[in-house]
Amino acid sequence: MQSITITSLLYKRVTCLLLILVTSGVWAQDKRIKPPKRDSNIESVDGFVNHTFDLYNKVFVYDSLTQKGVEIPAEYEDAILEDMEKNLDSMYQILPVVIEDMGGQPFAKKAKGTLNLNKARRALTFSIRTVKVYFLGESEKEEN
């Protein structure tokens, strides 16, 4: 009798686990990459990270609206593209300074700066892929 209750209890737990796993994919949405909690105290690194996350937030909102089926007016798309171009130009100008500034810093600042730059890299990668898909018409399959 006791083996039946243990078996039924195990069956119920497995069923609940499978139900949670199957339904979680239905309501799951892409997680937003959060900017670093603390600055690295290296001015150029922090500027680069801030510009990267400004760009990322705009691209993420655009992507979210597009996936929900919201039609975005052409004027707004042009404004987004222009703003993205400004952010990219700012990031391009800061990048050489970032590399220089990282070299002369203490280990702790370098470590924090590296962690922040890695988060920024992930956000930038998402932004570039998304812009390619929406504005250049390239699919992710072509990229791989």
N, C-alpha and C. Protein backbone atom coordinates (compact mmCIF):
# COMPACT_ATOMS: atom_id res chain seq x y z
N MET A 1 0.82 -1.18 0.00
CA MET A 1 0.00 0.00 0.00
C MET A 1 0.86 1.26 0.00
N GLN A 2 1.94 1.20 0.76
CA GLN A 2 2.80 2.36 0.85
C GLN A 2 3.54 2.59 -0.46
N SER A 3 3.88 1.54 -1.18
CA SER A 3 4.56 1.70 -2.45
C SER A 3 3.67 2.37 -3.48
N ILE A 4 2.38 2.17 -3.37
CA ILE A 4 1.45 2.81 -4.30
C ILE A 4 1.43 4.32 -4.05
N THR A 5 1.42 4.74 -2.82
CA THR A 5 1.40 6.17 -2.54
C THR A 5 2.71 6.85 -2.93
N ILE A 6 3.82 6.15 -2.74
CA ILE A 6 5.10 6.71 -3.15
C ILE A 6 5.16 6.82 -4.67
N THR A 7 4.67 5.80 -5.36
CA THR A 7 4.64 5.83 -6.82
C THR A 7 3.72 6.92 -7.33
N SER A 8 2.55 7.04 -6.73
CA SER A 8 1.62 8.08 -7.18
C SER A 8 2.16 9.47 -6.88
N LEU A 9 2.83 9.61 -5.75
CA LEU A 9 3.44 10.89 -5.40
C LEU A 9 4.54 11.25 -6.39
N LEU A 10 5.36 10.28 -6.73
CA LEU A 10 6.41 10.49 -7.72
C LEU A 10 5.81 10.85 -9.08
N TYR A 11 4.74 10.15 -9.45
CA TYR A 11 4.06 10.41 -10.72
C TYR A 11 3.53 11.84 -10.76
N LYS A 12 2.93 12.28 -9.65
CA LYS A 12 2.39 13.64 -9.59
C LYS A 12 3.50 14.69 -9.72
N ARG A 13 4.61 14.45 -9.07
CA ARG A 13 5.72 15.40 -9.13
C ARG A 13 6.30 15.49 -10.54
N VAL A 14 6.47 14.34 -11.18
CA VAL A 14 7.00 14.32 -12.55
C VAL A 14 6.02 15.02 -13.49
N THR A 15 4.73 14.78 -13.31
CA THR A 15 3.72 15.42 -14.15
C THR A 15 3.76 16.94 -13.96
N CYS A 16 3.84 17.38 -12.72
CA CYS A 16 3.91 18.83 -12.46
C CYS A 16 5.17 19.44 -13.07
N LEU A 17 6.28 18.75 -12.93
CA LEU A 17 7.54 19.24 -13.48
C LEU A 17 7.45 19.36 -15.00
N LEU A 18 6.91 18.34 -15.65
CA LEU A 18 6.76 18.38 -17.11
C LEU A 18 5.81 19.50 -17.53
N LEU A 19 4.73 19.67 -16.79
CA LEU A 19 3.78 20.73 -17.10
C LEU A 19 4.44 22.10 -17.00
N ILE A 20 5.23 22.30 -15.97
CA ILE A 20 5.94 23.58 -15.80
C ILE A 20 6.94 23.80 -16.93
N LEU A 21 7.68 22.77 -17.27
CA LEU A 21 8.68 22.90 -18.33
C LEU A 21 8.05 23.19 -19.68
N VAL A 22 6.95 22.52 -19.98
CA VAL A 22 6.30 22.70 -21.28
C VAL A 22 5.66 24.07 -21.38
N THR A 23 4.97 24.51 -20.33
CA THR A 23 4.27 25.79 -20.40
C THR A 23 5.19 26.99 -20.22
N SER A 24 6.34 26.80 -19.60
CA SER A 24 7.22 27.95 -19.39
C SER A 24 7.75 28.50 -20.71
N GLY A 25 7.94 27.65 -21.70
CA GLY A 25 8.40 28.10 -23.00
C GLY A 25 7.36 28.92 -23.74
N VAL A 26 6.09 28.68 -23.43
CA VAL A 26 5.01 29.40 -24.11
C VAL A 26 4.98 30.86 -23.69
N TRP A 27 5.16 31.13 -22.42
CA TRP A 27 5.06 32.49 -21.92
C TRP A 27 6.41 33.16 -21.73
N ALA A 28 7.47 32.47 -22.02
CA ALA A 28 8.80 33.04 -21.82
C ALA A 28 9.06 34.12 -22.86
N GLN A 29 9.71 35.18 -22.45
CA GLN A 29 10.12 36.21 -23.39
C GLN A 29 11.61 36.43 -23.23
N ASP A 30 12.18 37.02 -24.25
CA ASP A 30 13.62 37.26 -24.19
C ASP A 30 13.94 38.15 -23.00
N LYS A 31 14.96 37.78 -22.29
CA LYS A 31 15.35 38.59 -21.14
C LYS A 31 16.20 39.75 -21.60
N ARG A 32 15.95 40.87 -21.01
CA ARG A 32 16.71 42.06 -21.32
C ARG A 32 18.05 42.00 -20.59
N ILE A 33 19.10 42.34 -21.29
CA ILE A 33 20.43 42.38 -20.67
C ILE A 33 20.48 43.65 -19.83
N LYS A 34 20.79 43.49 -18.57
CA LYS A 34 20.83 44.65 -17.68
C LYS A 34 22.22 45.28 -17.71
N PRO A 35 22.27 46.61 -17.66
CA PRO A 35 23.58 47.27 -17.61
C PRO A 35 24.28 46.95 -16.30
N PRO A 36 25.59 47.13 -16.26
CA PRO A 36 26.34 46.85 -15.03
C PRO A 36 25.81 47.69 -13.86
N LYS A 37 25.82 47.09 -12.69
CA LYS A 37 25.31 47.79 -11.51
C LYS A 37 26.24 48.91 -11.06
N ARG A 38 27.54 48.68 -11.19
CA ARG A 38 28.51 49.68 -10.75
C ARG A 38 29.44 50.06 -11.89
N ASP A 39 29.84 51.32 -11.89
CA ASP A 39 30.81 51.78 -12.88
C ASP A 39 32.19 51.22 -12.55
N SER A 40 33.04 51.22 -13.56
CA SER A 40 34.41 50.73 -13.36
C SER A 40 35.34 51.83 -12.86
N ASN A 41 34.87 53.06 -12.87
CA ASN A 41 35.66 54.25 -12.52
C ASN A 41 36.78 54.51 -13.52
N ILE A 42 36.64 53.98 -14.71
CA ILE A 42 37.49 54.34 -15.84
C ILE A 42 36.55 55.07 -16.80
N GLU A 43 36.76 56.36 -16.94
CA GLU A 43 35.80 57.22 -17.64
C GLU A 43 35.47 56.74 -19.05
N SER A 44 36.47 56.36 -19.81
CA SER A 44 36.22 55.95 -21.20
C SER A 44 35.45 54.62 -21.26
N VAL A 45 35.76 53.70 -20.35
CA VAL A 45 35.04 52.42 -20.31
C VAL A 45 33.58 52.66 -19.96
N ASP A 46 33.35 53.47 -18.95
CA ASP A 46 31.98 53.76 -18.54
C ASP A 46 31.20 54.47 -19.64
N GLY A 47 31.86 55.38 -20.37
CA GLY A 47 31.21 56.05 -21.50
C GLY A 47 30.85 55.07 -22.60
N PHE A 48 31.76 54.17 -22.92
CA PHE A 48 31.50 53.16 -23.95
C PHE A 48 30.34 52.26 -23.54
N VAL A 49 30.35 51.82 -22.30
CA VAL A 49 29.28 50.94 -21.80
C VAL A 49 27.95 51.68 -21.83
N ASN A 50 27.93 52.95 -21.41
CA ASN A 50 26.68 53.72 -21.42
C ASN A 50 26.14 53.90 -22.84
N HIS A 51 27.02 54.23 -23.79
CA HIS A 51 26.58 54.38 -25.18
C HIS A 51 26.06 53.05 -25.72
N THR A 52 26.72 51.97 -25.37
CA THR A 52 26.29 50.65 -25.83
C THR A 52 24.89 50.33 -25.32
N PHE A 53 24.65 50.58 -24.04
CA PHE A 53 23.33 50.25 -23.48
C PHE A 53 22.26 51.23 -23.93
N ASP A 54 22.60 52.47 -24.26
CA ASP A 54 21.63 53.38 -24.87
C ASP A 54 21.16 52.80 -26.20
N LEU A 55 22.11 52.38 -27.01
CA LEU A 55 21.79 51.77 -28.30
C LEU A 55 20.98 50.49 -28.10
N TYR A 56 21.43 49.65 -27.19
CA TYR A 56 20.76 48.37 -26.93
C TYR A 56 19.30 48.57 -26.52
N ASN A 57 19.05 49.54 -25.63
CA ASN A 57 17.68 49.78 -25.18
C ASN A 57 16.77 50.18 -26.33
N LYS A 58 17.26 51.02 -27.23
CA LYS A 58 16.46 51.43 -28.39
C LYS A 58 16.18 50.25 -29.31
N VAL A 59 17.19 49.45 -29.56
CA VAL A 59 17.01 48.29 -30.44
C VAL A 59 16.09 47.27 -29.79
N PHE A 60 16.23 47.07 -28.49
CA PHE A 60 15.39 46.10 -27.78
C PHE A 60 13.92 46.52 -27.83
N VAL A 61 13.64 47.80 -27.61
CA VAL A 61 12.26 48.29 -27.67
C VAL A 61 11.71 48.12 -29.08
N TYR A 62 12.50 48.48 -30.08
CA TYR A 62 12.07 48.32 -31.47
C TYR A 62 11.76 46.85 -31.77
N ASP A 63 12.65 45.97 -31.36
CA ASP A 63 12.47 44.53 -31.58
C ASP A 63 11.21 44.03 -30.87
N SER A 64 11.00 44.45 -29.64
CA SER A 64 9.83 44.02 -28.88
C SER A 64 8.54 44.47 -29.55
N LEU A 65 8.51 45.73 -29.99
CA LEU A 65 7.31 46.24 -30.66
C LEU A 65 7.05 45.49 -31.96
N THR A 66 8.10 45.23 -32.71
CA THR A 66 7.96 44.52 -33.98
C THR A 66 7.46 43.10 -33.76
N GLN A 67 7.98 42.42 -32.75
CA GLN A 67 7.55 41.05 -32.46
C GLN A 67 6.10 41.00 -32.00
N LYS A 68 5.62 42.06 -31.36
CA LYS A 68 4.22 42.11 -30.92
C LYS A 68 3.28 42.48 -32.06
N GLY A 69 3.83 42.82 -33.22
CA GLY A 69 3.01 43.15 -34.37
C GLY A 69 2.62 44.61 -34.47
N VAL A 70 3.25 45.47 -33.70
CA VAL A 70 2.97 46.90 -33.75
C VAL A 70 3.65 47.47 -34.98
N GLU A 71 2.87 48.20 -35.78
CA GLU A 71 3.46 48.81 -36.98
C GLU A 71 4.11 50.14 -36.58
N ILE A 72 5.36 50.27 -36.91
CA ILE A 72 6.13 51.44 -36.52
C ILE A 72 6.18 52.40 -37.71
N PRO A 73 5.79 53.68 -37.50
CA PRO A 73 5.81 54.64 -38.60
C PRO A 73 7.22 54.84 -39.16
N ALA A 74 7.29 55.17 -40.44
CA ALA A 74 8.58 55.34 -41.12
C ALA A 74 9.40 56.47 -40.49
N GLU A 75 8.73 57.55 -40.06
CA GLU A 75 9.45 58.66 -39.44
C GLU A 75 10.16 58.21 -38.16
N TYR A 76 9.48 57.37 -37.39
CA TYR A 76 10.07 56.87 -36.15
C TYR A 76 11.24 55.95 -36.44
N GLU A 77 11.10 55.11 -37.47
CA GLU A 77 12.20 54.23 -37.87
C GLU A 77 13.42 55.04 -38.28
N ASP A 78 13.17 56.12 -39.06
CA ASP A 78 14.27 56.99 -39.47
C ASP A 78 14.95 57.64 -38.27
N ALA A 79 14.14 58.08 -37.30
CA ALA A 79 14.70 58.69 -36.09
C ALA A 79 15.53 57.67 -35.30
N ILE A 80 15.03 56.44 -35.24
CA ILE A 80 15.77 55.39 -34.54
C ILE A 80 17.10 55.13 -35.23
N LEU A 81 17.06 55.02 -36.55
CA LEU A 81 18.30 54.78 -37.30
C LEU A 81 19.30 55.90 -37.11
N GLU A 82 18.82 57.14 -37.15
CA GLU A 82 19.71 58.29 -36.98
C GLU A 82 20.33 58.29 -35.58
N ASP A 83 19.51 57.99 -34.58
CA ASP A 83 20.00 57.93 -33.21
C ASP A 83 21.00 56.79 -33.03
N MET A 84 20.72 55.66 -33.66
CA MET A 84 21.66 54.53 -33.60
C MET A 84 22.99 54.91 -34.23
N GLU A 85 22.92 55.62 -35.35
CA GLU A 85 24.15 56.03 -36.03
C GLU A 85 24.98 56.95 -35.15
N LYS A 86 24.32 57.88 -34.45
CA LYS A 86 25.04 58.78 -33.53
C LYS A 86 25.70 57.99 -32.41
N ASN A 87 24.96 57.04 -31.84
CA ASN A 87 25.53 56.22 -30.77
C ASN A 87 26.72 55.42 -31.26
N LEU A 88 26.60 54.84 -32.46
CA LEU A 88 27.71 54.05 -33.01
C LEU A 88 28.93 54.93 -33.27
N ASP A 89 28.71 56.15 -33.78
CA ASP A 89 29.83 57.07 -34.00
C ASP A 89 30.52 57.41 -32.68
N SER A 90 29.73 57.67 -31.64
CA SER A 90 30.31 57.98 -30.32
C SER A 90 31.11 56.81 -29.79
N MET A 91 30.58 55.61 -29.95
CA MET A 91 31.27 54.41 -29.48
C MET A 91 32.56 54.20 -30.26
N TYR A 92 32.52 54.45 -31.55
CA TYR A 92 33.70 54.27 -32.40
C TYR A 92 34.81 55.23 -31.99
N GLN A 93 34.44 56.45 -31.60
CA GLN A 93 35.43 57.44 -31.17
C GLN A 93 36.01 57.10 -29.80
N ILE A 94 35.22 56.51 -28.94
CA ILE A 94 35.67 56.19 -27.58
C ILE A 94 36.55 54.95 -27.55
N LEU A 95 36.32 53.99 -28.44
CA LEU A 95 36.98 52.68 -28.37
C LEU A 95 38.50 52.74 -28.27
N PRO A 96 39.22 53.52 -29.10
CA PRO A 96 40.69 53.55 -28.95
C PRO A 96 41.14 54.06 -27.57
N VAL A 97 40.39 55.01 -27.03
CA VAL A 97 40.73 55.56 -25.72
C VAL A 97 40.49 54.51 -24.63
N VAL A 98 39.47 53.68 -24.80
CA VAL A 98 39.17 52.63 -23.83
C VAL A 98 40.36 51.69 -23.69
N ILE A 99 40.91 51.28 -24.80
CA ILE A 99 42.03 50.34 -24.79
C ILE A 99 43.24 50.97 -24.11
N GLU A 100 43.50 52.24 -24.41
CA GLU A 100 44.62 52.95 -23.78
C GLU A 100 44.41 53.09 -22.28
N ASP A 101 43.22 53.52 -21.89
CA ASP A 101 42.94 53.77 -20.47
C ASP A 101 42.98 52.50 -19.63
N MET A 102 42.60 51.39 -20.19
CA MET A 102 42.60 50.13 -19.44
C MET A 102 44.02 49.71 -19.07
N GLY A 103 44.99 50.05 -19.90
CA GLY A 103 46.36 49.61 -19.68
C GLY A 103 47.00 50.14 -18.41
N GLY A 104 46.72 51.37 -18.06
CA GLY A 104 47.42 51.98 -16.93
C GLY A 104 46.65 51.95 -15.62
N GLN A 105 45.64 51.13 -15.51
CA GLN A 105 44.80 51.11 -14.31
C GLN A 105 45.19 49.97 -13.38
N PRO A 106 44.86 50.11 -12.09
CA PRO A 106 45.09 49.01 -11.14
C PRO A 106 44.25 47.78 -11.51
N PHE A 107 44.66 46.64 -11.00
CA PHE A 107 44.02 45.37 -11.34
C PHE A 107 42.51 45.38 -11.07
N ALA A 108 42.10 45.91 -9.93
CA ALA A 108 40.68 45.89 -9.56
C ALA A 108 39.84 46.68 -10.56
N LYS A 109 40.34 47.83 -10.98
CA LYS A 109 39.61 48.64 -11.96
C LYS A 109 39.59 47.94 -13.32
N LYS A 110 40.70 47.32 -13.68
CA LYS A 110 40.75 46.58 -14.95
C LYS A 110 39.73 45.44 -14.94
N ALA A 111 39.66 44.73 -13.82
CA ALA A 111 38.73 43.60 -13.72
C ALA A 111 37.29 44.07 -13.85
N LYS A 112 36.94 45.12 -13.14
CA LYS A 112 35.58 45.66 -13.21
C LYS A 112 35.29 46.19 -14.61
N GLY A 113 36.26 46.88 -15.19
CA GLY A 113 36.09 47.39 -16.55
C GLY A 113 35.90 46.27 -17.55
N THR A 114 36.64 45.18 -17.38
CA THR A 114 36.51 44.03 -18.29
C THR A 114 35.13 43.40 -18.16
N LEU A 115 34.65 43.24 -16.93
CA LEU A 115 33.30 42.69 -16.73
C LEU A 115 32.24 43.57 -17.38
N ASN A 116 32.36 44.88 -17.19
CA ASN A 116 31.41 45.81 -17.79
C ASN A 116 31.47 45.77 -19.31
N LEU A 117 32.68 45.68 -19.86
CA LEU A 117 32.83 45.61 -21.32
C LEU A 117 32.26 44.30 -21.87
N ASN A 118 32.36 43.22 -21.12
CA ASN A 118 31.77 41.95 -21.57
C ASN A 118 30.25 42.04 -21.63
N LYS A 119 29.64 42.70 -20.65
CA LYS A 119 28.18 42.90 -20.70
C LYS A 119 27.83 43.78 -21.90
N ALA A 120 28.62 44.81 -22.11
CA ALA A 120 28.38 45.71 -23.24
C ALA A 120 28.54 44.96 -24.56
N ARG A 121 29.49 44.05 -24.63
CA ARG A 121 29.70 43.26 -25.85
C ARG A 121 28.47 42.42 -26.17
N ARG A 122 27.88 41.79 -25.14
CA ARG A 122 26.68 40.99 -25.37
C ARG A 122 25.53 41.86 -25.86
N ALA A 123 25.38 43.04 -25.27
CA ALA A 123 24.32 43.95 -25.70
C ALA A 123 24.57 44.44 -27.12
N LEU A 124 25.82 44.72 -27.44
CA LEU A 124 26.17 45.19 -28.78
C LEU A 124 25.95 44.10 -29.82
N THR A 125 26.27 42.86 -29.47
CA THR A 125 26.05 41.73 -30.38
C THR A 125 24.57 41.59 -30.70
N PHE A 126 23.72 41.67 -29.67
CA PHE A 126 22.27 41.60 -29.89
C PHE A 126 21.83 42.74 -30.80
N SER A 127 22.32 43.94 -30.54
CA SER A 127 21.92 45.11 -31.32
C SER A 127 22.31 44.95 -32.78
N ILE A 128 23.52 44.50 -33.04
CA ILE A 128 23.99 44.35 -34.42
C ILE A 128 23.17 43.30 -35.15
N ARG A 129 22.93 42.16 -34.51
CA ARG A 129 22.14 41.10 -35.16
C ARG A 129 20.72 41.57 -35.46
N THR A 130 20.12 42.28 -34.52
CA THR A 130 18.76 42.75 -34.70
C THR A 130 18.68 43.79 -35.81
N VAL A 131 19.63 44.70 -35.84
CA VAL A 131 19.64 45.73 -36.89
C VAL A 131 19.82 45.07 -38.26
N LYS A 132 20.67 44.07 -38.34
CA LYS A 132 20.86 43.35 -39.61
C LYS A 132 19.57 42.72 -40.08
N VAL A 133 18.83 42.12 -39.16
CA VAL A 133 17.59 41.44 -39.53
C VAL A 133 16.54 42.44 -39.99
N TYR A 134 16.33 43.52 -39.23
CA TYR A 134 15.23 44.44 -39.53
C TYR A 134 15.56 45.45 -40.62
N PHE A 135 16.77 45.98 -40.62
CA PHE A 135 17.05 47.08 -41.51
C PHE A 135 17.84 46.68 -42.75
N LEU A 136 18.59 45.61 -42.68
CA LEU A 136 19.36 45.17 -43.84
C LEU A 136 18.74 43.95 -44.49
N GLY A 137 17.73 43.38 -43.86
CA GLY A 137 17.02 42.25 -44.43
C GLY A 137 17.76 40.93 -44.36
N GLU A 138 18.82 40.84 -43.58
CA GLU A 138 19.55 39.59 -43.45
C GLU A 138 18.89 38.74 -42.38
N SER A 139 18.80 37.45 -42.63
CA SER A 139 18.25 36.57 -41.62
C SER A 139 19.38 35.98 -40.80
N GLU A 140 19.02 35.41 -39.64
CA GLU A 140 20.03 34.81 -38.78
C GLU A 140 20.63 33.57 -39.42
N LYS A 141 19.88 32.89 -40.26
CA LYS A 141 20.38 31.69 -40.92
C LYS A 141 21.50 32.02 -41.90
N GLU A 142 21.37 33.18 -42.59
CA GLU A 142 22.41 33.58 -43.54
C GLU A 142 23.71 33.89 -42.81
N GLU A 143 23.59 34.40 -41.58
CA GLU A 143 24.76 34.78 -40.81
C GLU A 143 25.57 33.57 -40.38
N ASN A 144 24.89 32.48 -40.04
CA ASN A 144 25.58 31.27 -39.57
C ASN A 144 26.09 30.50 -40.69
